[in-house]
């Protein structure tokens, strides 16, 4: 797990976005939740629920009920670039079981 200073400022002196800025809604497949956040031209998608790489595998309506999430990142053209933000050989379009701290660390990289 990666710890991040959530009070970091961007180069314009504005506070960076965090997991708490993600607005969640019901996932369109009919179970779980989906939230997106736009950061510097990138879109971060965060989902959780049954059938996703998240924990627990329950149909909750609040992100507060989940400990880990499935995440994807794409650029302005809609191209998945999730693997560009991780230092390993994993080359999937999504990353599973990320904690809030992991997601905050990812957001700071954008």
N, C-alpha and C. Protein backbone atom coordinates (compact mmCIF):
# COMPACT_ATOMS: atom_id res chain seq x y z
N UNK A 1 0.84 -1.17 0.00
CA UNK A 1 0.00 0.00 0.00
C UNK A 1 0.89 1.24 0.00
N UNK A 2 0.51 2.26 -0.77
CA UNK A 2 1.30 3.46 -0.91
C UNK A 2 0.64 4.58 -0.13
N UNK A 3 1.40 5.26 0.71
CA UNK A 3 0.90 6.41 1.46
C UNK A 3 1.20 7.67 0.67
N UNK A 4 0.27 8.60 0.66
CA UNK A 4 0.42 9.81 -0.13
C UNK A 4 0.04 11.02 0.70
N UNK A 5 0.77 12.11 0.55
CA UNK A 5 0.41 13.36 1.19
C UNK A 5 -0.71 14.00 0.37
N UNK A 6 -1.93 13.96 0.87
CA UNK A 6 -3.08 14.44 0.11
C UNK A 6 -3.17 15.95 0.05
N UNK A 7 -2.29 16.64 0.73
CA UNK A 7 -2.29 18.10 0.70
C UNK A 7 -1.31 18.64 -0.35
N UNK A 8 -0.73 17.76 -1.17
CA UNK A 8 0.20 18.20 -2.20
C UNK A 8 -0.49 19.17 -3.13
N UNK A 9 0.28 20.12 -3.64
CA UNK A 9 -0.26 21.12 -4.55
C UNK A 9 0.29 20.88 -5.94
N UNK A 10 -0.53 21.23 -6.94
CA UNK A 10 -0.01 21.14 -8.30
C UNK A 10 0.81 22.39 -8.61
N UNK A 11 1.32 22.49 -9.82
CA UNK A 11 2.22 23.60 -10.14
C UNK A 11 1.52 24.95 -10.21
N UNK A 12 0.21 24.99 -10.11
CA UNK A 12 -0.53 26.25 -10.10
C UNK A 12 -0.94 26.63 -8.68
N UNK A 13 -0.49 25.87 -7.68
CA UNK A 13 -0.82 26.17 -6.31
C UNK A 13 -2.19 25.69 -5.88
N UNK A 14 -2.85 24.90 -6.72
CA UNK A 14 -4.18 24.39 -6.39
C UNK A 14 -4.04 22.99 -5.80
N UNK A 15 -4.93 22.67 -4.90
CA UNK A 15 -4.89 21.34 -4.29
C UNK A 15 -5.25 20.27 -5.32
N UNK A 16 -4.49 19.19 -5.31
CA UNK A 16 -4.74 18.08 -6.25
C UNK A 16 -6.02 17.35 -5.87
N UNK A 17 -6.59 16.68 -6.85
CA UNK A 17 -7.79 15.88 -6.61
C UNK A 17 -7.41 14.58 -5.92
N UNK A 18 -8.39 13.99 -5.22
CA UNK A 18 -8.19 12.73 -4.51
C UNK A 18 -9.38 11.81 -4.76
N UNK A 19 -9.30 10.62 -4.20
CA UNK A 19 -10.39 9.66 -4.26
C UNK A 19 -11.71 10.30 -3.83
N UNK A 20 -11.65 11.17 -2.84
CA UNK A 20 -12.87 11.80 -2.30
C UNK A 20 -13.57 12.70 -3.31
N UNK A 21 -12.89 13.08 -4.39
CA UNK A 21 -13.51 13.91 -5.43
C UNK A 21 -14.28 13.09 -6.46
N UNK A 22 -14.16 11.78 -6.41
CA UNK A 22 -14.86 10.91 -7.36
C UNK A 22 -16.34 10.86 -6.99
N UNK A 23 -17.19 11.09 -7.95
CA UNK A 23 -18.64 11.04 -7.76
C UNK A 23 -19.14 9.68 -8.25
N UNK A 24 -19.70 8.90 -7.34
CA UNK A 24 -20.15 7.55 -7.65
C UNK A 24 -21.65 7.52 -7.93
N UNK A 25 -22.03 6.56 -8.77
CA UNK A 25 -23.44 6.29 -9.08
C UNK A 25 -23.58 4.79 -9.25
N UNK A 26 -24.81 4.32 -9.42
CA UNK A 26 -25.04 2.90 -9.69
C UNK A 26 -24.36 2.53 -11.01
N UNK A 27 -23.72 1.37 -11.03
CA UNK A 27 -23.09 0.91 -12.26
C UNK A 27 -24.18 0.53 -13.27
N UNK A 28 -24.02 0.87 -14.55
CA UNK A 28 -25.07 0.59 -15.53
C UNK A 28 -25.35 -0.89 -15.79
N UNK A 29 -24.47 -1.81 -15.35
CA UNK A 29 -24.77 -3.23 -15.55
C UNK A 29 -25.84 -3.72 -14.58
N UNK A 30 -26.20 -2.88 -13.61
CA UNK A 30 -27.29 -3.23 -12.70
C UNK A 30 -26.87 -3.59 -11.30
N UNK A 31 -25.58 -3.65 -11.04
CA UNK A 31 -25.08 -3.92 -9.69
C UNK A 31 -23.75 -3.21 -9.50
N UNK A 32 -23.43 -2.91 -8.25
CA UNK A 32 -22.18 -2.23 -7.96
C UNK A 32 -22.24 -0.74 -8.23
N UNK A 33 -21.07 -0.11 -8.15
CA UNK A 33 -20.97 1.34 -8.34
C UNK A 33 -19.90 1.68 -9.37
N UNK A 34 -20.02 2.89 -9.92
CA UNK A 34 -19.09 3.41 -10.91
C UNK A 34 -18.87 4.88 -10.61
N UNK A 35 -17.60 5.29 -10.63
CA UNK A 35 -17.27 6.69 -10.49
C UNK A 35 -16.18 7.06 -11.45
N UNK A 36 -16.22 8.29 -11.96
CA UNK A 36 -15.14 8.76 -12.83
C UNK A 36 -14.65 10.10 -12.34
N UNK A 37 -13.40 10.38 -12.69
CA UNK A 37 -12.77 11.64 -12.32
C UNK A 37 -11.88 12.08 -13.47
N UNK A 38 -12.04 13.32 -13.91
CA UNK A 38 -11.19 13.87 -14.96
C UNK A 38 -10.05 14.64 -14.30
N UNK A 39 -8.81 14.30 -14.74
CA UNK A 39 -7.62 14.93 -14.18
C UNK A 39 -6.64 15.21 -15.32
N UNK A 40 -6.39 16.48 -15.60
CA UNK A 40 -5.38 16.88 -16.59
C UNK A 40 -5.54 16.17 -17.93
N UNK A 41 -6.76 16.04 -18.40
CA UNK A 41 -7.02 15.42 -19.69
C UNK A 41 -7.18 13.91 -19.67
N UNK A 42 -6.96 13.30 -18.52
CA UNK A 42 -7.14 11.86 -18.35
C UNK A 42 -8.46 11.60 -17.63
N UNK A 43 -9.02 10.41 -17.83
CA UNK A 43 -10.21 9.99 -17.09
C UNK A 43 -9.84 8.76 -16.28
N UNK A 44 -10.16 8.81 -14.99
CA UNK A 44 -9.97 7.67 -14.10
C UNK A 44 -11.35 7.09 -13.83
N UNK A 45 -11.51 5.80 -14.09
CA UNK A 45 -12.75 5.09 -13.83
C UNK A 45 -12.52 4.15 -12.65
N UNK A 46 -13.41 4.22 -11.66
CA UNK A 46 -13.31 3.39 -10.46
C UNK A 46 -14.64 2.66 -10.29
N UNK A 47 -14.59 1.32 -10.24
CA UNK A 47 -15.80 0.53 -10.07
C UNK A 47 -15.61 -0.49 -8.95
N UNK A 48 -16.73 -0.95 -8.42
CA UNK A 48 -16.71 -1.99 -7.38
C UNK A 48 -18.05 -2.70 -7.36
N UNK A 49 -18.01 -3.96 -6.96
CA UNK A 49 -19.23 -4.75 -6.86
C UNK A 49 -19.00 -6.17 -7.34
N UNK A 50 -20.06 -6.97 -7.35
CA UNK A 50 -19.94 -8.35 -7.81
C UNK A 50 -19.49 -8.38 -9.28
N UNK A 51 -18.56 -9.26 -9.59
CA UNK A 51 -18.09 -9.38 -10.96
C UNK A 51 -16.95 -8.45 -11.31
N UNK A 52 -16.54 -7.59 -10.40
CA UNK A 52 -15.43 -6.69 -10.64
C UNK A 52 -14.25 -7.07 -9.76
N UNK A 53 -13.07 -6.56 -10.09
CA UNK A 53 -11.86 -6.81 -9.30
C UNK A 53 -11.86 -5.88 -8.09
N UNK A 54 -12.76 -6.14 -7.16
CA UNK A 54 -12.94 -5.29 -5.98
C UNK A 54 -13.27 -6.17 -4.78
N UNK A 55 -13.28 -5.54 -3.60
CA UNK A 55 -13.62 -6.27 -2.38
C UNK A 55 -14.34 -5.34 -1.42
N UNK A 56 -15.40 -5.83 -0.78
CA UNK A 56 -16.02 -7.15 -0.94
C UNK A 56 -16.85 -7.22 -2.22
N UNK A 57 -17.17 -8.42 -2.61
CA UNK A 57 -17.95 -8.65 -3.83
C UNK A 57 -19.45 -8.62 -3.49
N UNK A 58 -19.88 -7.44 -3.08
CA UNK A 58 -21.28 -7.22 -2.70
C UNK A 58 -21.84 -6.08 -3.54
N UNK A 59 -23.16 -5.95 -3.56
CA UNK A 59 -23.82 -4.90 -4.31
C UNK A 59 -24.16 -3.73 -3.38
N UNK A 60 -23.14 -3.00 -2.97
CA UNK A 60 -23.34 -1.82 -2.12
C UNK A 60 -23.54 -0.58 -3.00
N UNK A 61 -24.18 0.42 -2.47
CA UNK A 61 -24.44 1.65 -3.21
C UNK A 61 -23.52 2.79 -2.79
N UNK A 62 -22.58 2.51 -1.89
CA UNK A 62 -21.68 3.55 -1.41
C UNK A 62 -20.23 3.05 -1.48
N UNK A 63 -19.30 3.91 -1.91
CA UNK A 63 -17.90 3.49 -1.92
C UNK A 63 -17.35 3.24 -0.51
N UNK A 64 -18.00 3.80 0.49
CA UNK A 64 -17.55 3.61 1.87
C UNK A 64 -17.61 2.15 2.30
N UNK A 65 -18.40 1.35 1.63
CA UNK A 65 -18.57 -0.06 1.99
C UNK A 65 -17.48 -0.96 1.38
N UNK A 66 -16.69 -0.40 0.45
CA UNK A 66 -15.67 -1.19 -0.24
C UNK A 66 -14.27 -0.88 0.28
N UNK A 67 -13.43 -1.90 0.29
CA UNK A 67 -12.03 -1.75 0.70
C UNK A 67 -11.09 -1.66 -0.50
N UNK A 68 -11.48 -2.26 -1.63
CA UNK A 68 -10.63 -2.29 -2.81
C UNK A 68 -11.49 -2.14 -4.06
N UNK A 69 -10.89 -1.56 -5.12
CA UNK A 69 -11.64 -1.17 -6.31
C UNK A 69 -10.91 -1.60 -7.58
N UNK A 70 -11.68 -1.67 -8.67
CA UNK A 70 -11.12 -1.88 -10.01
C UNK A 70 -10.98 -0.51 -10.66
N UNK A 71 -9.82 -0.25 -11.30
CA UNK A 71 -9.53 1.07 -11.84
C UNK A 71 -9.03 0.97 -13.27
N UNK A 72 -9.42 1.93 -14.08
CA UNK A 72 -8.90 2.08 -15.44
C UNK A 72 -8.62 3.56 -15.69
N UNK A 73 -7.65 3.83 -16.57
CA UNK A 73 -7.32 5.20 -16.96
C UNK A 73 -7.29 5.26 -18.47
N UNK A 74 -7.91 6.30 -19.04
CA UNK A 74 -7.80 6.50 -20.47
C UNK A 74 -7.50 7.96 -20.77
N UNK A 75 -6.95 8.19 -21.97
CA UNK A 75 -6.56 9.54 -22.36
C UNK A 75 -7.70 10.24 -23.09
N UNK A 76 -7.42 11.42 -23.61
CA UNK A 76 -8.44 12.24 -24.28
C UNK A 76 -9.03 11.56 -25.51
N UNK A 77 -8.29 10.63 -26.12
CA UNK A 77 -8.76 9.92 -27.30
C UNK A 77 -9.55 8.66 -26.96
N UNK A 78 -9.66 8.36 -25.65
CA UNK A 78 -10.36 7.16 -25.23
C UNK A 78 -9.51 5.91 -25.24
N UNK A 79 -8.20 6.08 -25.37
CA UNK A 79 -7.28 4.95 -25.36
C UNK A 79 -6.91 4.60 -23.93
N UNK A 80 -7.06 3.32 -23.59
CA UNK A 80 -6.68 2.87 -22.25
C UNK A 80 -5.17 2.99 -22.07
N UNK A 81 -4.76 3.64 -20.99
CA UNK A 81 -3.33 3.81 -20.70
C UNK A 81 -3.02 3.43 -19.25
N UNK A 82 -3.86 2.62 -18.66
CA UNK A 82 -3.72 2.23 -17.26
C UNK A 82 -2.33 1.68 -16.97
N UNK A 83 -1.82 0.83 -17.84
CA UNK A 83 -0.54 0.16 -17.58
C UNK A 83 0.65 1.13 -17.56
N UNK A 84 0.50 2.33 -18.12
CA UNK A 84 1.59 3.30 -18.14
C UNK A 84 1.92 3.86 -16.75
N UNK A 85 1.03 3.67 -15.79
CA UNK A 85 1.20 4.28 -14.48
C UNK A 85 1.66 3.29 -13.41
N UNK A 86 2.04 2.09 -13.84
CA UNK A 86 2.48 1.07 -12.89
C UNK A 86 3.82 0.50 -13.33
N UNK A 87 4.68 0.23 -12.36
CA UNK A 87 6.04 -0.25 -12.64
C UNK A 87 6.13 -1.77 -12.58
N UNK A 88 5.44 -2.43 -13.48
CA UNK A 88 5.52 -3.89 -13.56
C UNK A 88 5.13 -4.33 -14.97
N UNK A 89 5.05 -5.61 -15.18
CA UNK A 89 4.76 -6.14 -16.52
C UNK A 89 3.27 -6.33 -16.79
N UNK A 90 2.44 -5.93 -15.87
CA UNK A 90 1.00 -6.08 -16.02
C UNK A 90 0.55 -5.16 -17.15
N UNK A 91 -0.09 -5.71 -18.19
CA UNK A 91 -0.46 -4.88 -19.34
C UNK A 91 -1.95 -4.92 -19.64
N UNK A 92 -2.75 -5.10 -18.64
CA UNK A 92 -4.20 -5.13 -18.80
C UNK A 92 -4.74 -3.70 -18.82
N UNK A 93 -5.95 -3.52 -19.36
CA UNK A 93 -6.59 -2.20 -19.39
C UNK A 93 -7.07 -1.75 -18.03
N UNK A 94 -7.23 -2.68 -17.09
CA UNK A 94 -7.71 -2.34 -15.76
C UNK A 94 -6.75 -2.89 -14.70
N UNK A 95 -6.83 -2.32 -13.52
CA UNK A 95 -6.09 -2.82 -12.35
C UNK A 95 -7.11 -3.13 -11.27
N UNK A 96 -6.93 -4.25 -10.64
CA UNK A 96 -7.87 -4.66 -9.61
C UNK A 96 -7.34 -4.52 -8.21
N UNK A 97 -8.28 -4.52 -7.30
CA UNK A 97 -8.03 -4.56 -5.86
C UNK A 97 -7.13 -3.42 -5.37
N UNK A 98 -7.36 -2.20 -5.91
CA UNK A 98 -6.60 -1.04 -5.46
C UNK A 98 -7.30 -0.38 -4.28
N UNK A 99 -6.53 0.00 -3.29
CA UNK A 99 -7.06 0.70 -2.12
C UNK A 99 -7.27 2.18 -2.45
N UNK A 100 -7.90 2.90 -1.55
CA UNK A 100 -8.05 4.35 -1.71
C UNK A 100 -6.67 5.02 -1.80
N UNK A 101 -5.74 4.58 -0.96
CA UNK A 101 -4.38 5.15 -1.01
C UNK A 101 -3.72 4.88 -2.35
N UNK A 102 -3.89 3.68 -2.89
CA UNK A 102 -3.34 3.36 -4.21
C UNK A 102 -3.94 4.27 -5.28
N UNK A 103 -5.24 4.49 -5.20
CA UNK A 103 -5.93 5.34 -6.18
C UNK A 103 -5.47 6.78 -6.03
N UNK A 104 -5.30 7.26 -4.80
CA UNK A 104 -4.79 8.61 -4.59
C UNK A 104 -3.39 8.76 -5.19
N UNK A 105 -2.56 7.76 -5.01
CA UNK A 105 -1.21 7.80 -5.58
C UNK A 105 -1.27 7.86 -7.11
N UNK A 106 -2.16 7.07 -7.70
CA UNK A 106 -2.35 7.10 -9.16
C UNK A 106 -2.79 8.49 -9.61
N UNK A 107 -3.77 9.08 -8.93
CA UNK A 107 -4.28 10.39 -9.30
C UNK A 107 -3.16 11.44 -9.27
N UNK A 108 -2.28 11.34 -8.28
CA UNK A 108 -1.17 12.30 -8.19
C UNK A 108 -0.20 12.18 -9.36
N UNK A 109 -0.13 11.00 -9.98
CA UNK A 109 0.75 10.80 -11.15
C UNK A 109 0.19 11.46 -12.40
N UNK A 110 -1.10 11.74 -12.41
CA UNK A 110 -1.73 12.28 -13.62
C UNK A 110 -1.42 13.73 -13.76
